[in-house]
C-alpha atoms as a PDB file:
ATOM      1  CA  MET A   1     -36.993 -28.769   5.355  1.00  0.00           C
ATOM      2  CA  LYS A   2     -34.815 -29.102   2.511  1.00  0.00           C
ATOM      3  CA  ILE A   3     -31.096 -27.364   2.402  1.00  0.00           C
ATOM      4  CA  ASN A   4     -29.547 -25.969  -0.569  1.00  0.00           C
ATOM      5  CA  ARG A   5     -26.394 -27.539  -0.826  1.00  0.00           C
ATOM      6  CA  LEU A   6     -25.330 -25.383  -3.609  1.00  0.00           C
ATOM      7  CA  LEU A   7     -25.662 -22.339  -1.497  1.00  0.00           C
ATOM      8  CA  ILE A   8     -23.890 -23.603   1.099  1.00  0.00           C
ATOM      9  CA  LEU A   9     -21.012 -24.342  -0.817  1.00  0.00           C
ATOM     10  CA  THR A  10     -21.276 -21.298  -2.347  1.00  0.00           C
ATOM     11  CA  THR A  11     -21.197 -19.015   0.638  1.00  0.00           C
ATOM     12  CA  PHE A  12     -18.331 -21.483   2.125  1.00  0.00           C
ATOM     13  CA  PHE A  13     -16.217 -20.460  -0.662  1.00  0.00           C
ATOM     14  CA  ILE A  14     -16.918 -16.849  -0.471  1.00  0.00           C
ATOM     15  CA  ALA A  15     -16.202 -16.771   3.222  1.00  0.00           C
ATOM     16  CA  LEU A  16     -12.769 -18.589   2.754  1.00  0.00           C
ATOM     17  CA  ASN A  17     -11.754 -16.676  -0.137  1.00  0.00           C
ATOM     18  CA  LEU A  18     -12.547 -13.055   1.945  1.00  0.00           C
ATOM     19  CA  SER A  19     -10.536 -14.775   4.657  1.00  0.00           C
ATOM     20  CA  PHE A  20      -7.941 -15.800   2.369  1.00  0.00           C
ATOM     21  CA  THR A  21      -7.688 -12.049   1.030  1.00  0.00           C
ATOM     22  CA  MET A  22      -7.654 -10.305   4.141  1.00  0.00           C
ATOM     23  CA  ALA A  23      -5.191 -12.269   5.601  1.00  0.00           C
ATOM     24  CA  GLN A  24      -3.213 -11.692   2.318  1.00  0.00           C
ATOM     25  CA  THR A  25      -3.488  -8.061   2.427  1.00  0.00           C
ATOM     26  CA  ASN A  26      -2.713  -7.726   6.222  1.00  0.00           C
ATOM     27  CA  ILE A  27       0.881  -5.322   5.489  1.00  0.00           C
ATOM     28  CA  ALA A  28       0.456  -2.953   8.142  1.00  0.00           C
ATOM     29  CA  GLY A  29       3.472  -2.550   9.658  1.00  0.00           C
ATOM     30  CA  VAL A  30       6.956  -1.240   9.160  1.00  0.00           C
ATOM     31  CA  TYR A  31       9.429  -2.232   6.490  1.00  0.00           C
ATOM     32  CA  LYS A  32      12.990  -0.753   6.651  1.00  0.00           C
ATOM     33  CA  ARG A  33      14.878  -1.085   3.629  1.00  0.00           C
ATOM     34  CA  SER A  34      18.744  -0.481   3.398  1.00  0.00           C
ATOM     35  CA  SER A  35      20.623   1.444   0.436  1.00  0.00           C
ATOM     36  CA  GLY A  36      24.015   0.690   1.215  1.00  0.00           C
ATOM     37  CA  ASN A  37      25.028   4.503   1.923  1.00  0.00           C
ATOM     38  CA  PRO A  38      26.592   6.077   4.790  1.00  0.00           C
ATOM     39  CA  GLU A  39      23.091   8.092   5.283  1.00  0.00           C
ATOM     40  CA  GLY A  40      20.888   4.568   5.745  1.00  0.00           C
ATOM     41  CA  GLY A  41      17.896   3.626   3.603  1.00  0.00           C
ATOM     42  CA  ASN A  42      14.177   4.608   4.296  1.00  0.00           C
ATOM     43  CA  THR A  43      11.562   3.145   6.463  1.00  0.00           C
ATOM     44  CA  PHE A  44       8.083   2.358   4.795  1.00  0.00           C
ATOM     45  CA  PHE A  45       5.267   2.790   7.454  1.00  0.00           C
ATOM     46  CA  ILE A  46       2.440   1.208   6.084  1.00  0.00           C
ATOM     47  CA  PHE A  47      -1.098   1.994   7.624  1.00  0.00           C
ATOM     48  CA  GLU A  48      -4.552  -0.177   7.536  1.00  0.00           C
ATOM     49  CA  ASP A  49      -6.369   3.283   6.703  1.00  0.00           C
ATOM     50  CA  ASN A  50      -4.290   2.796   3.222  1.00  0.00           C
ATOM     51  CA  ARG A  51      -2.006   5.416   3.940  1.00  0.00           C
ATOM     52  CA  PHE A  52       1.586   5.193   3.629  1.00  0.00           C
ATOM     53  CA  VAL A  53       4.655   7.425   4.867  1.00  0.00           C
ATOM     54  CA  VAL A  54       8.306   6.870   3.860  1.00  0.00           C
ATOM     55  CA  ALA A  55      10.939   8.350   5.928  1.00  0.00           C
ATOM     56  CA  PHE A  56      14.573   8.734   4.205  1.00  0.00           C
ATOM     57  CA  PHE A  57      17.833  10.666   5.066  1.00  0.00           C
ATOM     58  CA  GLY A  58      16.620  14.533   4.575  1.00  0.00           C
ATOM     59  CA  GLY A  59      12.853  13.976   3.994  1.00  0.00           C
ATOM     60  CA  VAL A  60       9.336  12.274   4.068  1.00  0.00           C
ATOM     61  CA  ILE A  61       6.672  11.294   1.386  1.00  0.00           C
ATOM     62  CA  THR A  62       3.050  10.336   2.106  1.00  0.00           C
ATOM     63  CA  GLY A  63       0.537   9.065  -0.022  1.00  0.00           C
ATOM     64  CA  THR A  64      -2.051   6.264  -0.235  1.00  0.00           C
ATOM     65  CA  TRP A  65      -1.532   2.445  -1.402  1.00  0.00           C
ATOM     66  CA  THR A  66      -4.029  -0.030  -2.678  1.00  0.00           C
ATOM     67  CA  MET A  67      -3.545  -3.649  -3.179  1.00  0.00           C
ATOM     68  CA  ASP A  68      -4.521  -6.258  -6.059  1.00  0.00           C
ATOM     69  CA  LYS A  69      -3.201 -10.098  -5.226  1.00  0.00           C
ATOM     70  CA  ASN A  70      -0.028  -9.588  -4.172  1.00  0.00           C
ATOM     71  CA  LYS A  71       0.596  -6.312  -5.852  1.00  0.00           C
ATOM     72  CA  ILE A  72       1.121  -3.324  -3.994  1.00  0.00           C
ATOM     73  CA  TYR A  73       0.521   0.042  -5.880  1.00  0.00           C
ATOM     74  CA  PHE A  74       1.702   3.051  -3.843  1.00  0.00           C
ATOM     75  CA  LYS A  75       0.669   6.908  -4.910  1.00  0.00           C
ATOM     76  CA  PRO A  76       2.588   9.608  -3.462  1.00  0.00           C
ATOM     77  CA  ASN A  77       0.814  13.033  -2.436  1.00  0.00           C
ATOM     78  CA  VAL A  78       1.723  15.842  -5.104  1.00  0.00           C
ATOM     79  CA  LYS A  79       1.633  19.205  -4.990  1.00  0.00           C
ATOM     80  CA  GLU A  80      -1.477  20.460  -7.278  1.00  0.00           C
ATOM     81  CA  HIS A  81       0.806  23.464  -8.267  1.00  0.00           C
ATOM     82  CA  SER A  82       4.215  24.658  -8.378  1.00  0.00           C
ATOM     83  CA  PHE A  83       3.605  27.833  -6.786  1.00  0.00           C
ATOM     84  CA  TYR A  84       1.511  29.239  -3.592  1.00  0.00           C
ATOM     85  CA  LEU A  85       1.223  32.927  -2.093  1.00  0.00           C
ATOM     86  CA  TYR A  86       0.134  33.635   0.868  1.00  0.00           C
ATOM     87  CA  GLY A  87      -0.162  37.520   2.148  1.00  0.00           C
ATOM     88  CA  ARG A  88      -0.986  39.975   5.500  1.00  0.00           C
ATOM     89  CA  HIS A  89      -1.253  43.388   6.080  1.00  0.00           C
ATOM     90  CA  ASN A  90       1.921  45.255   7.175  1.00  0.00           C
ATOM     91  CA  LYS A  91       1.286  48.759   8.319  1.00  0.00           C
ATOM     92  CA  ASP A  92       5.110  49.210   8.616  1.00  0.00           C
ATOM     93  CA  LEU A  93       5.846  48.635   4.871  1.00  0.00           C
ATOM     94  CA  LYS A  94       3.330  51.507   4.066  1.00  0.00           C
ATOM     95  CA  THR A  95       3.225  51.434   0.363  1.00  0.00           C
ATOM     96  CA  THR A  96       6.177  49.203  -0.363  1.00  0.00           C
ATOM     97  CA  THR A  97       5.975  45.410  -0.457  1.00  0.00           C
ATOM     98  CA  ARG A  98       8.096  42.834   1.014  1.00  0.00           C
ATOM     99  CA  ILE A  99       8.418  39.062  -0.184  1.00  0.00           C
ATOM    100  CA  TYR A 100      10.170  36.017   1.657  1.00  0.00           C
ATOM    101  CA  PHE A 101      11.019  33.495  -1.184  1.00  0.00           C
ATOM    102  CA  GLN A 102      11.098  29.721   0.066  1.00  0.00           C
ATOM    103  CA  GLY A 103      12.596  27.399  -2.203  1.00  0.00           C
ATOM    104  CA  PHE A 104      13.357  29.609  -5.362  1.00  0.00           C
ATOM    105  CA  ASN A 105      16.635  27.769  -5.387  1.00  0.00           C
ATOM    106  CA  GLU A 106      15.419  24.249  -6.653  1.00  0.00           C
ATOM    107  CA  ASP A 107      15.200  25.500 -10.124  1.00  0.00           C
ATOM    108  CA  PRO A 108      15.553  28.601 -12.276  1.00  0.00           C
ATOM    109  CA  THR A 109      12.261  30.727 -11.278  1.00  0.00           C
ATOM    110  CA  PHE A 110      10.869  34.006 -12.169  1.00  0.00           C
ATOM    111  CA  ILE A 111       8.511  36.784 -10.724  1.00  0.00           C
ATOM    112  CA  GLY A 112       6.776  39.535 -12.325  1.00  0.00           C
ATOM    113  CA  LEU A 113       4.872  42.529 -10.397  1.00  0.00           C
ATOM    114  CA  GLY A 114       1.870  42.761 -13.333  1.00  0.00           C
ATOM    115  CA  LYS A 115       4.703  44.896 -15.761  1.00  0.00           C
ATOM    116  CA  LYS A 116       4.501  44.137 -19.398  1.00  0.00           C
ATOM    117  CA  GLN A 117       7.255  44.386 -22.277  1.00  0.00           C
ATOM    118  CA  GLY A 118       4.445  44.635 -25.368  1.00  0.00           C
ATOM    119  CA  GLU A 119       1.959  41.979 -25.143  1.00  0.00           C
ATOM    120  CA  LYS A 120       4.238  39.870 -23.129  1.00  0.00           C
ATOM    121  CA  PRO A 121       4.452  39.812 -19.372  1.00  0.00           C
ATOM    122  CA  LEU A 122       7.468  41.127 -18.068  1.00  0.00           C
ATOM    123  CA  LEU A 123       9.426  38.813 -15.435  1.00  0.00           C
ATOM    124  CA  ARG A 124      12.394  38.917 -13.464  1.00  0.00           C
ATOM    125  CA  SER A 125      14.893  35.930 -12.762  1.00  0.00           C
ATOM    126  CA  VAL A 126      14.592  35.474  -8.819  1.00  0.00           C
ATOM    127  CA  LEU A 127      18.392  33.956  -8.530  1.00  0.00           C
ATOM    128  CA  ASN A 128      21.248  34.143 -10.907  1.00  0.00           C
ATOM    129  CA  GLU A 129      22.227  31.151 -13.136  1.00  0.00           C
ATOM    130  CA  ASN A 130      23.753  28.567 -10.700  1.00  0.00           C
ATOM    131  CA  PRO A 131      23.383  30.239  -7.289  1.00  0.00           C
ATOM    132  CA  ASN A 132      25.328  28.806  -4.221  1.00  0.00           C
ATOM    133  CA  CYS A 133      25.381  30.379  -0.758  1.00  0.00           C
ATOM    134  CA  VAL A 134      21.589  31.151  -1.066  1.00  0.00           C
ATOM    135  CA  PRO A 135      21.154  33.759   1.627  1.00  0.00           C
ATOM    136  CA  TYR A 136      18.475  32.516   4.280  1.00  0.00           C
ATOM    137  CA  PRO A 137      15.818  34.378   4.725  1.00  0.00           C
ATOM    138  CA  SER A 138      15.411  35.511   1.028  1.00  0.00           C
ATOM    139  CA  VAL A 139      13.514  38.623   1.636  1.00  0.00           C
ATOM    140  CA  ALA A 140      13.269  41.296  -1.196  1.00  0.00           C
ATOM    141  CA  LYS A 141      11.451  44.729  -1.024  1.00  0.00           C
ATOM    142  CA  PHE A 142       9.741  46.238  -3.856  1.00  0.00           C
ATOM    143  CA  GLY A 143       8.436  50.130  -4.043  1.00  0.00           C
ATOM    144  CA  GLU A 144       5.002  49.613  -4.758  1.00  0.00           C
ATOM    145  CA  VAL A 145       1.649  47.222  -3.834  1.00  0.00           C
ATOM    146  CA  PRO A 146       1.430  44.937  -6.905  1.00  0.00           C
ATOM    147  CA  ALA A 147      -2.290  44.484  -8.224  1.00  0.00           C
ATOM    148  CA  GLU A 148      -1.066  40.959  -9.276  1.00  0.00           C
ATOM    149  CA  ILE A 149       2.042  38.493  -8.903  1.00  0.00           C
ATOM    150  CA  LEU A 150       3.311  36.092 -11.529  1.00  0.00           C
ATOM    151  CA  PHE A 151       5.776  33.376 -11.081  1.00  0.00           C
ATOM    152  CA  THR A 152       6.872  30.930 -13.732  1.00  0.00           C
ATOM    153  CA  ASP A 153      10.023  28.500 -13.776  1.00  0.00           C
ATOM    154  CA  ALA A 154      12.175  26.753 -16.035  1.00  0.00           C
ATOM    155  CA  PRO A 155      13.452  23.293 -14.753  1.00  0.00           C
ATOM    156  CA  TYR A 156      16.841  21.985 -15.057  1.00  0.00           C
ATOM    157  CA  GLY A 157      16.803  19.334 -18.273  1.00  0.00           C
ATOM    158  CA  ASP A 158      12.948  20.285 -19.166  1.00  0.00           C
ATOM    159  CA  ASP A 159      12.199  20.449 -22.726  1.00  0.00           C
ATOM    160  CA  ALA A 160       8.870  21.755 -23.026  1.00  0.00           C
ATOM    161  CA  PRO A 161       8.978  25.085 -24.905  1.00  0.00           C
ATOM    162  CA  LYS A 162       6.583  26.876 -22.229  1.00  0.00           C
ATOM    163  CA  ARG A 163       5.961  26.788 -19.181  1.00  0.00           C
ATOM    164  CA  ASN A 164       2.478  27.423 -16.957  1.00  0.00           C
ATOM    165  CA  VAL A 165       2.720  31.097 -15.533  1.00  0.00           C
ATOM    166  CA  TYR A 166       0.907  31.451 -12.615  1.00  0.00           C
ATOM    167  CA  THR A 167      -1.031  34.548 -11.962  1.00  0.00           C
ATOM    168  CA  PHE A 168      -1.994  35.489  -8.522  1.00  0.00           C
ATOM    169  CA  GLU A 169      -4.591  38.120  -7.790  1.00  0.00           C
ATOM    170  CA  ASN A 170      -3.983  40.882  -5.009  1.00  0.00           C
ATOM    171  CA  PRO A 171      -7.767  42.477  -4.208  1.00  0.00           C
ATOM    172  CA  GLU A 172      -6.738  42.708  -0.283  1.00  0.00           C
ATOM    173  CA  LYS A 173      -3.828  44.999  -1.326  1.00  0.00           C
ATOM    174  CA  TYR A 174      -1.434  42.635   0.907  1.00  0.00           C
ATOM    175  CA  ASN A 175       1.960  44.027   1.202  1.00  0.00           C
ATOM    176  CA  ASP A 176       3.999  41.450   2.995  1.00  0.00           C
ATOM    177  CA  PHE A 177       4.210  37.577   1.478  1.00  0.00           C
ATOM    178  CA  ILE A 178       5.482  34.004   1.688  1.00  0.00           C
ATOM    179  CA  ALA A 179       5.776  32.881  -1.700  1.00  0.00           C
ATOM    180  CA  TYR A 180       6.363  28.903  -1.772  1.00  0.00           C
ATOM    181  CA  TYR A 181       8.083  27.128  -4.884  1.00  0.00           C
ATOM    182  CA  ALA A 182       7.140  23.304  -4.992  1.00  0.00           C
ATOM    183  CA  LYS A 183       9.810  21.712  -7.200  1.00  0.00           C
ATOM    184  CA  GLU A 184       7.989  19.084  -9.730  1.00  0.00           C
ATOM    185  CA  ASP A 185       9.626  15.987  -8.057  1.00  0.00           C
ATOM    186  CA  ARG A 186       9.996  13.299 -10.497  1.00  0.00           C
ATOM    187  CA  ASP A 187      10.832  10.815  -7.709  1.00  0.00           C
ATOM    188  CA  ARG A 188       7.192  11.301  -6.414  1.00  0.00           C
ATOM    189  CA  ARG A 189       5.468   9.194  -9.212  1.00  0.00           C
ATOM    190  CA  PRO A 190       3.351   6.354  -8.515  1.00  0.00           C
ATOM    191  CA  PHE A 191       5.440   3.152  -7.833  1.00  0.00           C
ATOM    192  CA  ASP A 192       4.741  -0.441  -7.078  1.00  0.00           C
ATOM    193  CA  ALA A 193       6.089  -3.747  -5.133  1.00  0.00           C
ATOM    194  CA  GLU A 194       5.161  -7.497  -4.489  1.00  0.00           C
ATOM    195  CA  LEU A 195       4.264  -9.275  -1.577  1.00  0.00           C
ATOM    196  CA  LYS A 196       6.379 -12.470  -1.480  1.00  0.00           C
ATOM    197  CA  GLY A 197       6.718 -14.671   1.613  1.00  0.00           C
ATOM    198  CA  GLY A 198       5.294 -12.451   4.006  1.00  0.00           C
ATOM    199  CA  LYS A 199       8.183  -9.751   2.646  1.00  0.00           C
ATOM    200  CA  ILE A 200       7.416  -6.361   0.279  1.00  0.00           C
ATOM    201  CA  HIS A 201      10.103  -6.907  -2.631  1.00  0.00           C
ATOM    202  CA  PHE A 202      10.281  -3.964  -4.823  1.00  0.00           C
ATOM    203  CA  GLY A 203      11.610  -3.998  -7.926  1.00  0.00           C
ATOM    204  CA  TYR A 204      15.419  -3.365  -7.433  1.00  0.00           C
ATOM    205  CA  ASP A 205      15.204  -5.310  -4.383  1.00  0.00           C
ATOM    206  CA  ASP A 206      15.803  -8.956  -4.331  1.00  0.00           C
ATOM    207  CA  LYS A 207      16.087  -9.743  -0.685  1.00  0.00           C
ATOM    208  CA  GLY A 208      12.586  -8.141   0.344  1.00  0.00           C
ATOM    209  CA  SER A 209      11.467  -6.172   3.379  1.00  0.00           C
ATOM    210  CA  THR A 210      10.386  -7.748   6.704  1.00  0.00           C
ATOM    211  CA  LYS A 211       7.544  -6.223   8.464  1.00  0.00           C
ATOM    212  CA  TYR A 212       7.945  -4.762  11.871  1.00  0.00           C
ATOM    213  CA  PRO A 213       4.914  -3.799  14.172  1.00  0.00           C
ATOM    214  CA  LEU A 214       3.721   0.138  13.669  1.00  0.00           C
ATOM    215  CA  PRO A 215       4.742   2.077  16.740  1.00  0.00           C
ATOM    216  CA  THR A 216       1.970   2.895  19.322  1.00  0.00           C
ATOM    217  CA  LYS A 217       3.852   5.273  21.476  1.00  0.00           C
ATOM    218  CA  GLY A 218       7.222   7.282  21.546  1.00  0.00           C
ATOM    219  CA  GLU A 219       9.280   9.784  19.434  1.00  0.00           C
ATOM    220  CA  ASP A 220       8.445   7.609  16.355  1.00  0.00           C
ATOM    221  CA  PHE A 221       4.827   7.385  16.431  1.00  0.00           C
ATOM    222  CA  GLU A 222       4.162  11.395  17.280  1.00  0.00           C
ATOM    223  CA  PHE A 223       6.790  12.452  14.201  1.00  0.00           C
ATOM    224  CA  ILE A 224       4.250  10.263  11.876  1.00  0.00           C
ATOM    225  CA  LYS A 225       0.907  10.910  13.665  1.00  0.00           C
ATOM    226  CA  GLN A 226       2.090  14.496  12.821  1.00  0.00           C
ATOM    227  CA  ILE A 227       3.040  13.805   9.785  1.00  0.00           C
ATOM    228  CA  LEU A 228      -0.122  12.261   8.804  1.00  0.00           C
ATOM    229  CA  ASP A 229      -2.414  14.650  10.223  1.00  0.00           C
ATOM    230  CA  ALA A 230      -0.775  17.542   8.242  1.00  0.00           C
ATOM    231  CA  PRO A 231      -3.362  19.087   5.932  1.00  0.00           C
ATOM    232  CA  GLN A 232      -2.318  18.780   2.432  1.00  0.00           C
ATOM    233  CA  SER A 233      -3.236  22.156   1.648  1.00  0.00           C
ATOM    234  CA  THR A 234      -3.949  25.180   3.933  1.00  0.00           C
ATOM    235  CA  ASP A 235      -5.720  28.630   3.315  1.00  0.00           C
ATOM    236  CA  LYS A 236      -3.251  29.919   6.082  1.00  0.00           C
ATOM    237  CA  VAL A 237       0.191  30.001   7.316  1.00  0.00           C
ATOM    238  CA  PHE A 238       1.999  31.232  10.271  1.00  0.00           C
ATOM    239  CA  TYR A 239       5.532  32.990  10.875  1.00  0.00           C
ATOM    240  CA  ASN A 240       6.984  34.534  13.655  1.00  0.00           C
ATOM    241  CA  PRO A 241       9.095  37.434  12.675  1.00  0.00           C
ATOM    242  CA  PHE A 242      12.242  35.836  11.283  1.00  0.00           C
ATOM    243  CA  TYR A 243      10.688  33.516   9.260  1.00  0.00           C
ATOM    244  CA  ASN A 244      10.568  30.677  11.550  1.00  0.00           C
ATOM    245  CA  GLU A 245       7.045  28.642  10.227  1.00  0.00           C
ATOM    246  CA  SER A 246       5.039  28.371  13.677  1.00  0.00           C
ATOM    247  CA  VAL A 247       2.612  25.215  14.562  1.00  0.00           C
ATOM    248  CA  GLU A 248       1.583  27.235  17.734  1.00  0.00           C
ATOM    249  CA  ASN A 249      -2.319  27.072  18.780  1.00  0.00           C
ATOM    250  CA  VAL A 250      -3.144  30.665  18.192  1.00  0.00           C
ATOM    251  CA  ASN A 251      -6.712  29.803  19.023  1.00  0.00           C
ATOM    252  CA  ASP A 252      -5.607  28.771  22.728  1.00  0.00           C
ATOM    253  CA  LYS A 253      -7.275  31.818  24.674  1.00  0.00           C
ATOM    254  CA  LEU A 254      -5.622  31.021  27.977  1.00  0.00           C
ATOM    255  CA  ASN A 255      -2.048  31.667  26.096  1.00  0.00           C
ATOM    256  CA  TRP A 256      -2.869  33.738  23.053  1.00  0.00           C
ATOM    257  CA  LYS A 257      -4.369  37.162  22.259  1.00  0.00           C
ATOM    258  CA  PHE A 258      -4.871  39.029  18.829  1.00  0.00           C
ATOM    259  CA  ASP A 259      -3.203  42.680  18.919  1.00  0.00           C
ATOM    260  CA  GLU A 260      -4.918  44.288  16.341  1.00  0.00           C
ATOM    261  CA  GLY A 261      -1.951  47.167  16.494  1.00  0.00           C
ATOM    262  CA  LYS A 262       0.425  44.704  15.354  1.00  0.00           C
ATOM    263  CA  ASN A 263      -1.751  42.400  13.154  1.00  0.00           C
ATOM    264  CA  ALA A 264      -0.177  39.499  14.823  1.00  0.00           C
ATOM    265  CA  PHE A 265      -0.923  36.973  17.568  1.00  0.00           C
ATOM    266  CA  ILE A 266       0.748  37.543  20.770  1.00  0.00           C
ATOM    267  CA  ASN A 267       1.827  34.888  23.524  1.00  0.00           C
ATOM    268  CA  PHE A 268       0.713  37.338  26.164  1.00  0.00           C
ATOM    269  CA  LEU A 269       2.499  35.027  28.856  1.00  0.00           C
ATOM    270  CA  ASN A 270       5.758  35.343  27.347  1.00  0.00           C
ATOM    271  CA  TYR A 271       6.117  38.432  24.875  1.00  0.00           C
ATOM    272  CA  VAL A 272       8.409  41.338  25.536  1.00  0.00           C
ATOM    273  CA  GLU A 273       7.720  44.316  23.826  1.00  0.00           C
ATOM    274  CA  GLY A 274       9.473  45.385  21.053  1.00  0.00           C
ATOM    275  CA  GLU A 275      11.126  41.673  20.781  1.00  0.00           C
ATOM    276  CA  GLU A 276       9.973  41.408  16.891  1.00  0.00           C
ATOM    277  CA  ASN A 277      12.398  44.202  16.102  1.00  0.00           C
ATOM    278  CA  ARG A 278      15.583  42.303  17.642  1.00  0.00           C
ATOM    279  CA  PRO A 279      16.658  39.831  15.335  1.00  0.00           C
ATOM    280  CA  ASP A 280      20.184  39.528  16.577  1.00  0.00           C
ATOM    281  CA  GLU A 281      18.727  38.832  20.277  1.00  0.00           C
ATOM    282  CA  GLN A 282      19.718  35.200  21.518  1.00  0.00           C
ATOM    283  CA  ASP A 283      17.559  32.542  19.941  1.00  0.00           C
ATOM    284  CA  ALA A 284      15.336  34.886  18.152  1.00  0.00           C
ATOM    285  CA  TYR A 285      14.640  32.681  15.448  1.00  0.00           C
ATOM    286  CA  ASN A 286      13.309  29.772  17.498  1.00  0.00           C
ATOM    287  CA  LYS A 287      10.865  32.250  19.753  1.00  0.00           C
ATOM    288  CA  MET A 288       7.860  32.054  19.231  1.00  0.00           C
ATOM    289  CA  ASN A 289       6.186  34.525  21.313  1.00  0.00           C
ATOM    290  CA  ILE A 290       4.618  36.946  18.307  1.00  0.00           C
ATOM    291  CA  VAL A 291       3.359  35.149  15.126  1.00  0.00           C
ATOM    292  CA  TYR A 292       1.875  36.387  11.805  1.00  0.00           C
ATOM    293  CA  GLN A 293      -1.186  34.879   9.885  1.00  0.00           C
ATOM    294  CA  PHE A 294      -0.373  34.972   5.985  1.00  0.00           C
ATOM    295  CA  ASN A 295      -3.635  34.066   3.779  1.00  0.00           C
ATOM    296  CA  LEU A 296      -3.760  32.251   0.776  1.00  0.00           C
ATOM    297  CA  LEU A 297      -3.830  34.498  -2.247  1.00  0.00           C
ATOM    298  CA  LYS A 298      -6.421  33.349  -4.941  1.00  0.00           C
ATOM    299  CA  LEU A 299      -4.553  31.715  -8.230  1.00  0.00           C
ATOM    300  CA  GLY A 300      -6.134  33.673 -11.027  1.00  0.00           C
ATOM    301  CA  LYS A 301      -4.798  32.214 -14.042  1.00  0.00           C
ATOM    302  CA  LYS A 302      -2.300  28.867 -14.631  1.00  0.00           C
ATOM    303  CA  GLN A 303      -1.558  28.612 -18.490  1.00  0.00           C
ATOM    304  CA  PRO A 304       1.581  27.884 -20.577  1.00  0.00           C
ATOM    305  CA  ALA A 305       2.488  31.306 -22.383  1.00  0.00           C
ATOM    306  CA  ASP A 306       5.579  33.479 -23.145  1.00  0.00           C
ATOM    307  CA  PHE A 307       7.371  35.859 -21.102  1.00  0.00           C
ATOM    308  CA  ALA A 308      10.030  38.960 -21.758  1.00  0.00           C
ATOM    309  CA  ARG A 309      12.814  38.410 -19.012  1.00  0.00           C
ATOM    310  CA  GLU A 310      14.284  41.395 -16.808  1.00  0.00           C
ATOM    311  CA  ALA A 311      18.417  41.667 -17.567  1.00  0.00           C
ATOM    312  CA  LYS A 312      19.249  41.010 -13.754  1.00  0.00           C
ATOM    313  CA  PRO A 313      18.325  38.922 -11.149  1.00  0.00           C
ATOM    314  CA  LEU A 314      16.588  39.548  -7.853  1.00  0.00           C
ATOM    315  CA  PHE A 315      19.400  37.638  -5.848  1.00  0.00           C
ATOM    316  CA  VAL A 316      22.767  37.124  -6.870  1.00  0.00           C
ATOM    317  CA  ALA A 317      23.504  34.140  -4.783  1.00  0.00           C
ATOM    318  CA  THR A 318      27.510  33.318  -4.926  1.00  0.00           C
ATOM    319  CA  CYS A 319      29.948  32.233  -2.368  1.00  0.00           C
ATOM    320  CA  LYS A 320      32.764  34.833  -1.883  1.00  0.00           C
ATOM    321  CA  GLU A 321      36.152  33.094  -2.934  1.00  0.00           C
ATOM    322  CA  GLU A 322      38.810  33.528   0.330  1.00  0.00           C
END
């Protein structure tokens, strides 16, 4: 039997190159980077499934990574839209509307309830210029149930003449809302690093970061797992009566039931009748005995447009001088 030496050598070198590449790309681990500031630096958790988490003082960034030779390319996850709106029916509000604004103090933001001034949509600033001492929760009431709700923003330093105006339709006639503003984070653009000498080197870090094993148990493991498993988008959110977001499993029939009269999920083992009406009760904000489901509203339009502005902001947030 004649042996094809060329085929054997080719197979050998392919296998050798594959082994080298796999060894080279074995970067899964924990990398700690110091900033020199009192708050500390950041910690990179890099996983074999091409996902990563960066934990730093005051926040986290998640995303995906790829590798080409010794270059590592990181692509952070970013929100698809700047505004998201969730709603529910609240019989206590009758024919009025309530909106909780989350994150709207991050940039100048505007809201409209479908009114127009001439041909332009009429919007109102959510907060005054340069707000401080922003109230929490920032909740506004309106004397109508709108057919549509509009939002736009005007980020500081943005030279674009027009911003996208978001129009959300309200065919279900919801009257209780959670509105989110997802600030356009310019720090979450793709970035890269280089693998040299067993360390990851970022463009502004000459010393490099040493790899440590990924956690497999403990608080750090549970924290990172929760972040990784969190959905990037969701069609429903849950809040208690005092605007603390809930992660309770309301489908757990051993502890929860749906109360049609309250349009809420009740933890029947711990709920005390009427506790949703007692905000001053001790630890009321952290109690999760009754939670409300808010459903994502359909985004009808997202397009640049001119708009007219009402004179007064919705909230005036200014610290009182002592």
